Protein backbone atom coordinates (compact mmCIF):
# COMPACT_ATOMS: atom_id res chain seq x y z
CA MET A 1 0.12 -0.09 0.03
CA LYS A 2 1.07 3.66 0.09
CA ALA A 3 1.28 5.85 2.89
CA VAL A 4 2.17 9.34 4.01
CA GLN A 5 5.45 8.91 6.41
CA PHE A 6 8.24 10.76 7.92
CA ASP A 7 11.35 9.72 8.76
CA ASN A 8 12.21 12.38 11.56
CA TYR A 9 10.83 15.30 13.11
CA GLY A 10 10.57 18.48 10.85
CA PRO A 11 8.32 20.83 9.03
CA PRO A 12 5.61 19.79 6.80
CA GLU A 13 8.04 18.86 3.98
CA VAL A 14 9.47 15.85 5.85
CA LEU A 15 6.28 14.25 5.14
CA HIS A 16 6.31 11.95 2.06
CA LEU A 17 4.99 8.96 0.08
CA ALA A 18 6.21 5.42 0.88
CA GLU A 19 5.41 1.71 -0.32
CA MET A 20 4.93 -0.54 2.76
CA GLU A 21 2.93 -3.47 3.58
CA ALA A 22 -0.58 -3.28 4.57
CA PRO A 23 -1.41 -4.20 8.52
CA THR A 24 -3.80 -7.03 9.13
CA ALA A 25 -6.20 -7.14 11.31
CA GLY A 26 -5.67 -8.88 14.54
CA PRO A 27 -7.82 -10.61 17.45
CA GLY A 28 -10.46 -7.54 18.08
CA GLU A 29 -9.46 -5.35 15.18
CA VAL A 30 -10.72 -4.20 12.26
CA GLN A 31 -8.84 -3.65 8.53
CA ILE A 32 -9.99 -0.65 6.86
CA ARG A 33 -9.88 0.39 3.19
CA VAL A 34 -9.26 4.23 4.06
CA ALA A 35 -11.26 6.23 1.64
CA ALA A 36 -10.10 10.09 3.42
CA ALA A 37 -8.44 10.88 6.89
CA GLY A 38 -8.79 13.96 8.93
CA VAL A 39 -6.01 16.11 9.63
CA ASN A 40 -5.80 17.34 13.12
CA PRO A 41 -3.44 19.59 15.36
CA ALA A 42 -1.99 16.67 16.88
CA ASP A 43 -0.78 15.34 13.92
CA TYR A 44 1.31 18.09 13.14
CA LYS A 45 2.34 18.70 16.80
CA ARG A 46 3.38 15.01 16.59
CA ARG A 47 5.40 15.62 12.88
CA ASN A 48 7.53 18.67 14.24
CA GLY A 49 8.03 17.08 17.70
CA SER A 50 5.94 19.55 20.21
CA LEU A 51 4.42 16.22 21.70
CA ALA A 52 8.12 14.46 21.78
CA LYS A 53 8.58 14.94 25.86
CA TYR A 54 5.07 12.89 26.14
CA ALA A 55 6.02 10.16 23.75
CA GLN A 56 8.78 9.56 21.31
CA LEU A 57 8.14 7.94 18.25
CA SER A 58 9.59 5.17 16.05
CA PHE A 59 10.77 6.03 12.91
CA PRO A 60 9.52 5.68 9.58
CA TYR A 61 6.24 6.98 11.50
CA VAL A 62 3.26 7.08 9.68
CA GLY A 63 0.98 10.00 10.46
CA GLY A 64 -3.21 10.36 10.81
CA MET A 65 -5.59 9.01 13.31
CA ASP A 66 -9.09 9.30 11.88
CA VAL A 67 -9.98 7.76 9.24
CA ALA A 68 -13.40 6.59 7.09
CA GLY A 69 -13.77 4.03 4.66
CA THR A 70 -15.01 0.68 4.35
CA VAL A 71 -13.97 -2.09 6.34
CA ALA A 72 -11.73 -5.07 4.63
CA ALA A 73 -11.48 -7.57 6.98
CA VAL A 74 -12.12 -8.20 10.92
CA GLY A 75 -9.76 -9.75 13.02
CA PRO A 76 -11.00 -12.79 15.58
CA GLY A 77 -13.19 -11.66 18.29
CA VAL A 78 -14.57 -8.87 15.98
CA THR A 79 -19.10 -8.59 16.48
CA ARG A 80 -20.29 -5.34 15.65
CA PHE A 81 -18.55 -5.36 12.39
CA LYS A 82 -18.43 -7.29 9.24
CA ALA A 83 -16.51 -6.57 5.86
CA GLY A 84 -18.18 -3.91 3.33
CA ASP A 85 -19.31 -1.89 6.55
CA ARG A 86 -18.94 2.11 5.85
CA ILE A 87 -17.08 2.82 9.52
CA VAL A 88 -15.49 6.10 10.89
CA ALA A 89 -12.51 5.32 13.24
CA THR A 90 -9.52 6.31 15.36
CA VAL A 91 -6.33 4.08 14.15
CA PRO A 92 -2.67 4.58 14.39
CA GLY A 93 -1.50 5.42 10.92
CA GLY A 94 -4.29 7.22 9.14
CA TYR A 95 -2.54 8.52 5.93
CA ALA A 96 -2.78 5.39 4.64
CA GLU A 97 -4.57 3.44 1.99
CA VAL A 98 -5.38 0.69 4.69
CA ALA A 99 -5.18 0.62 8.32
CA VAL A 100 -6.05 -1.06 11.43
CA ALA A 101 -8.16 -0.26 13.97
CA ASN A 102 -9.34 -1.44 17.66
CA GLU A 103 -12.73 -2.40 17.32
CA ALA A 104 -13.41 0.00 20.81
CA THR A 105 -12.83 2.90 18.37
CA CYS A 106 -15.32 2.54 15.24
CA ALA A 107 -18.80 3.60 14.46
CA LEU A 108 -20.70 2.82 11.52
CA LEU A 109 -21.24 5.17 9.40
CA PRO A 110 -24.68 6.13 7.25
CA ASP A 111 -24.93 6.78 3.77
CA SER A 112 -25.76 10.03 4.56
CA VAL A 113 -22.61 11.12 5.86
CA ASP A 114 -19.91 11.51 3.44
CA PHE A 115 -16.37 9.82 3.52
CA ALA A 116 -14.67 13.41 4.14
CA GLN A 117 -16.91 14.31 6.60
CA ALA A 118 -16.85 11.47 9.10
CA ALA A 119 -12.97 11.96 8.84
CA ALA A 120 -13.40 15.09 10.45
CA LEU A 121 -15.30 13.96 13.38
CA PRO A 122 -13.16 11.59 15.77
CA CYS A 123 -10.48 13.49 17.29
CA ALA A 124 -12.45 16.94 17.12
CA ALA A 125 -15.67 15.88 17.96
CA LEU A 126 -14.86 13.47 20.78
CA THR A 127 -12.91 15.85 22.71
CA GLY A 128 -15.46 18.60 22.81
CA VAL A 129 -18.08 16.29 24.13
CA GLN A 130 -15.66 14.25 26.14
CA MET A 131 -14.55 17.39 28.12
CA ILE A 132 -17.89 18.66 28.95
CA GLU A 133 -19.05 14.89 29.69
CA MET A 134 -16.19 13.52 31.58
CA ALA A 135 -14.15 16.76 33.26
CA VAL A 136 -16.73 19.76 33.42
CA GLN A 137 -20.00 17.94 34.03
CA PRO A 138 -22.33 21.08 34.48
CA ARG A 139 -25.58 20.93 36.14
CA LYS A 140 -28.88 22.37 34.60
CA GLY A 141 -28.90 25.99 34.79
CA GLU A 142 -24.81 26.66 35.02
CA ARG A 143 -23.16 28.95 33.03
CA VAL A 144 -20.24 27.00 31.08
CA LEU A 145 -17.94 29.49 29.29
CA VAL A 146 -16.89 27.82 25.96
CA THR A 147 -13.78 28.98 24.16
CA GLY A 148 -13.43 29.16 20.56
CA ALA A 149 -16.80 27.77 20.92
CA THR A 150 -17.14 27.76 16.63
CA GLY A 151 -14.20 25.66 15.94
CA ALA A 152 -13.94 22.06 15.73
CA VAL A 153 -13.59 21.20 18.88
CA GLY A 154 -15.63 23.88 20.64
CA ARG A 155 -18.61 23.57 18.59
CA TYR A 156 -19.41 19.90 20.00
CA ALA A 157 -18.37 21.22 23.48
CA VAL A 158 -21.30 23.43 23.23
CA ASP A 159 -23.32 20.69 21.71
CA ALA A 160 -22.79 18.89 24.92
CA ALA A 161 -23.29 21.61 27.31
CA LEU A 162 -26.55 22.79 26.05
CA ALA A 163 -27.91 19.07 26.21
CA LEU A 164 -26.81 18.76 29.47
CA GLY A 165 -29.35 21.57 30.47
CA ALA A 166 -26.53 24.59 30.96
CA ARG A 167 -26.05 28.03 29.74
CA VAL A 168 -23.25 28.65 27.36
CA VAL A 169 -21.59 31.37 26.82
CA ALA A 170 -19.43 31.45 23.68
CA ALA A 171 -15.65 33.53 23.39
CA VAL A 172 -14.84 33.77 20.05
CA ARG A 173 -13.21 36.39 17.53
CA PRO A 174 -15.98 38.72 16.86
CA ALA A 175 -15.89 37.39 13.07
CA TYR A 176 -17.58 34.59 14.49
CA PHE A 177 -20.25 36.23 17.04
CA ASP A 178 -23.43 34.87 14.57
CA GLU A 179 -21.60 31.75 13.94
CA ALA A 180 -21.36 30.95 17.49
CA ARG A 181 -25.16 32.24 18.20
CA GLY A 182 -25.92 29.33 15.68
CA LEU A 183 -24.74 27.08 17.32
CA GLY A 184 -26.88 27.86 20.50
CA ALA A 185 -25.20 29.57 22.85
CA HIS A 186 -27.30 31.83 24.82
CA GLU A 187 -24.59 34.56 25.24
CA VAL A 188 -21.49 35.33 22.85
CA LEU A 189 -18.56 37.45 23.90
CA SER A 190 -15.24 38.26 22.68
CA LEU A 191 -11.85 36.51 23.80
CA GLU A 192 -10.57 39.77 24.63
CA ASP A 193 -13.28 40.97 27.00
CA GLY A 194 -11.68 39.34 29.84
CA ASP A 195 -11.65 42.94 31.44
CA LYS A 196 -14.79 43.82 31.68
CA ASP A 197 -17.00 43.92 34.63
CA GLY A 198 -20.20 41.46 35.60
CA LEU A 199 -18.62 38.61 33.77
CA ALA A 200 -19.70 35.15 35.92
CA PHE A 201 -19.40 31.83 35.01
CA ASP A 202 -19.55 28.46 36.86
CA HIS A 203 -17.36 26.65 34.19
CA VAL A 204 -14.73 27.15 31.46
CA ALA A 205 -14.12 24.64 28.95
CA ASP A 206 -11.44 25.70 26.75
CA THR A 207 -10.31 24.78 23.27
CA VAL A 208 -7.78 28.30 23.01
CA GLY A 209 -5.74 28.51 25.90
CA GLY A 210 -2.99 32.11 26.47
CA PRO A 211 -3.46 35.05 28.45
CA ALA A 212 -6.82 35.97 27.30
CA VAL A 213 -8.15 33.00 28.19
CA ALA A 214 -6.46 33.25 31.70
CA LYS A 215 -8.29 36.92 31.99
CA LEU A 216 -11.73 34.97 31.40
CA ALA A 217 -11.15 32.03 33.77
CA ARG A 218 -10.78 34.59 36.58
CA HIS A 219 -14.51 35.60 36.36
CA VAL A 220 -15.60 31.73 37.52
CA ALA A 221 -17.44 30.92 40.32
CA GLN A 222 -15.39 29.40 43.66
CA GLY A 223 -16.05 25.74 43.52
CA GLY A 224 -16.14 25.82 39.59
CA LYS A 225 -13.74 23.83 36.97
CA ILE A 226 -10.96 25.56 34.52
CA VAL A 227 -10.71 22.55 31.88
CA THR A 228 -8.49 22.91 28.99
CA VAL A 229 -7.71 20.66 26.06
CA SER A 230 -4.64 23.38 24.45
CA THR A 231 -1.67 22.75 24.71
CA THR A 232 -0.79 26.21 25.01
CA PRO A 233 -0.60 27.25 28.88
CA ILE A 234 -3.30 29.62 30.88
CA ASP A 235 -1.29 31.16 33.64
CA PRO A 236 -2.89 29.66 37.24
CA GLU A 237 -1.90 33.19 39.56
CA GLY A 238 -4.85 34.21 40.60
CA LEU A 239 -7.30 31.98 39.20
CA PRO A 240 -9.76 30.73 41.46
CA ALA A 241 -9.48 27.36 40.61
CA PRO A 242 -6.89 25.14 39.32
CA VAL A 243 -6.43 24.13 35.86
CA SER A 244 -6.98 20.88 34.52
CA PHE A 245 -5.89 19.55 30.91
CA PHE A 246 -7.91 16.98 29.53
CA ALA A 247 -6.80 14.26 27.15
CA TYR A 248 -9.00 13.04 24.11
CA LYS A 249 -10.04 9.28 24.77
CA PRO A 250 -10.19 7.33 21.52
CA ALA A 251 -11.99 3.80 22.66
CA GLU A 252 -15.05 5.61 22.48
CA GLY A 253 -16.52 3.82 19.69
CA GLU A 254 -20.50 4.32 21.23
CA ARG A 255 -19.92 7.94 22.21
CA LEU A 256 -18.87 8.67 18.42
CA ALA A 257 -21.72 6.43 17.19
CA ARG A 258 -23.67 9.33 19.27
CA ILE A 259 -21.69 11.94 17.72
CA VAL A 260 -22.45 10.32 13.78
CA ASP A 261 -26.10 9.96 14.42
CA SER A 262 -26.41 13.52 15.14
CA VAL A 263 -24.46 14.90 11.89
CA ALA A 264 -26.36 12.10 9.86
CA ARG A 265 -29.66 13.53 11.62
CA GLY A 266 -28.71 17.53 10.80
CA SER A 267 -28.46 18.17 14.46
CA THR A 268 -24.86 19.16 14.43
CA SER A 269 -21.89 19.76 11.51
CA MET A 270 -18.11 19.72 11.51
CA PRO A 271 -17.05 22.57 8.85
CA ILE A 272 -14.78 21.11 6.32
CA ALA A 273 -12.09 23.81 5.83
CA ARG A 274 -10.60 22.33 3.04
CA ARG A 275 -10.94 18.57 1.06
CA LEU A 276 -7.22 17.77 -0.58
CA PRO A 277 -6.24 15.01 -2.45
CA PHE A 278 -3.76 12.04 -0.39
CA SER A 279 -0.75 13.57 -1.92
CA SER A 280 -1.41 16.67 -0.57
CA ALA A 281 -0.61 16.00 3.31
CA ALA A 282 2.44 18.10 3.62
CA GLU A 283 -0.16 21.11 2.34
CA ALA A 284 -3.03 20.10 4.41
CA HIS A 285 -0.38 20.10 7.66
CA ARG A 286 0.88 23.67 6.48
CA LEU A 287 -2.82 24.97 6.63
CA VAL A 288 -3.72 23.04 9.81
CA GLU A 289 -0.49 24.57 11.83
CA SER A 290 -1.23 28.00 10.43
CA GLY A 291 -4.88 28.28 11.37
CA GLY A 292 -5.68 27.70 7.56
CA THR A 293 -7.73 30.32 5.30
CA GLU A 294 -11.18 28.94 6.21
CA GLY A 295 -13.14 28.81 9.39
CA GLN A 296 -11.72 28.78 13.07
CA GLY A 297 -9.83 25.47 13.55
CA HIS A 298 -12.14 23.77 11.12
CA THR A 299 -10.69 20.29 10.04
CA ARG A 300 -9.14 19.69 7.05
CA THR A 301 -9.43 16.01 5.12
CA LEU A 302 -7.52 13.91 2.82
CA LYS A 303 -8.97 11.79 0.36
CA GLN A 304 -7.95 9.27 -1.46
CA PRO A 305 -7.42 9.81 -5.30
CA ARG A 306 -10.26 8.19 -7.61
CA GLY A 307 -9.56 5.15 -9.65
CA THR A 308 -7.14 3.78 -7.63
CA PRO A 309 -7.00 -0.11 -7.98
CA ARG A 310 -8.81 -0.58 -4.46
CA GLY A 311 -11.74 1.46 -5.88
CA TYR A 312 -11.72 3.92 -3.05
CA SER A 313 -13.53 7.22 -3.42
């Protein structure tokens, strides 16, 4: 198979196409013919070495963690999927024609959701939902500040908080005020409004990090939670609560299936900033790393080329 890999940490240019043996499904695993792969900030942070202090990579390393495609084969013990199923999953080595996923990370994909849309979901959408449901855990009526609320992670944090009955205050750039209201936020303010009087939040669900969020977090009630998924530090000095970092949990197939169902019903969506061919992985990394040209943190997806021998879409 063909895959996009890198042999050392470095800029996007270290990504290159390579030929390698396709992985096979072991016990509890699903082999997937990949039709599209999501491109996330975590992907470029692995590539440029930002995450090396947490986990060293073995080179050569195939990038990518979110894929959508068709089940080619299942390993022993797999009961939820069969060959031919449309599927979305979190995998190691997603920038490839074939990937293998643990069954626990997979969800069936309805025909109404295309592969590129689905590949944008696992890491970003699950992170937003998990942050709210597993870490913030707001009670009905509590005010939750969601920073970067229109981004790929933030919009799903908004949806999850609303589903629990919380009042959502969205902190975004002014250009995204209308979009944040469209997501259902009860109130909208600027990320730079931390010095305003009268602000009050029960909790903060942060996707941005940095000094602006630190100022906003000063308005959290005693006993509230400040939870971040950003690797940009929030200065804890003067804050009424400690800052907790939340890490995405991939083995969440059932929760992912719930998200996919909400997309299929039109209840939620994930804007795709750019759909690029598989050979343009380096360009996709450049766009994500620079903040892109469309949208606030929206996802890029790589599409397998049409007319390949394996019949990918």
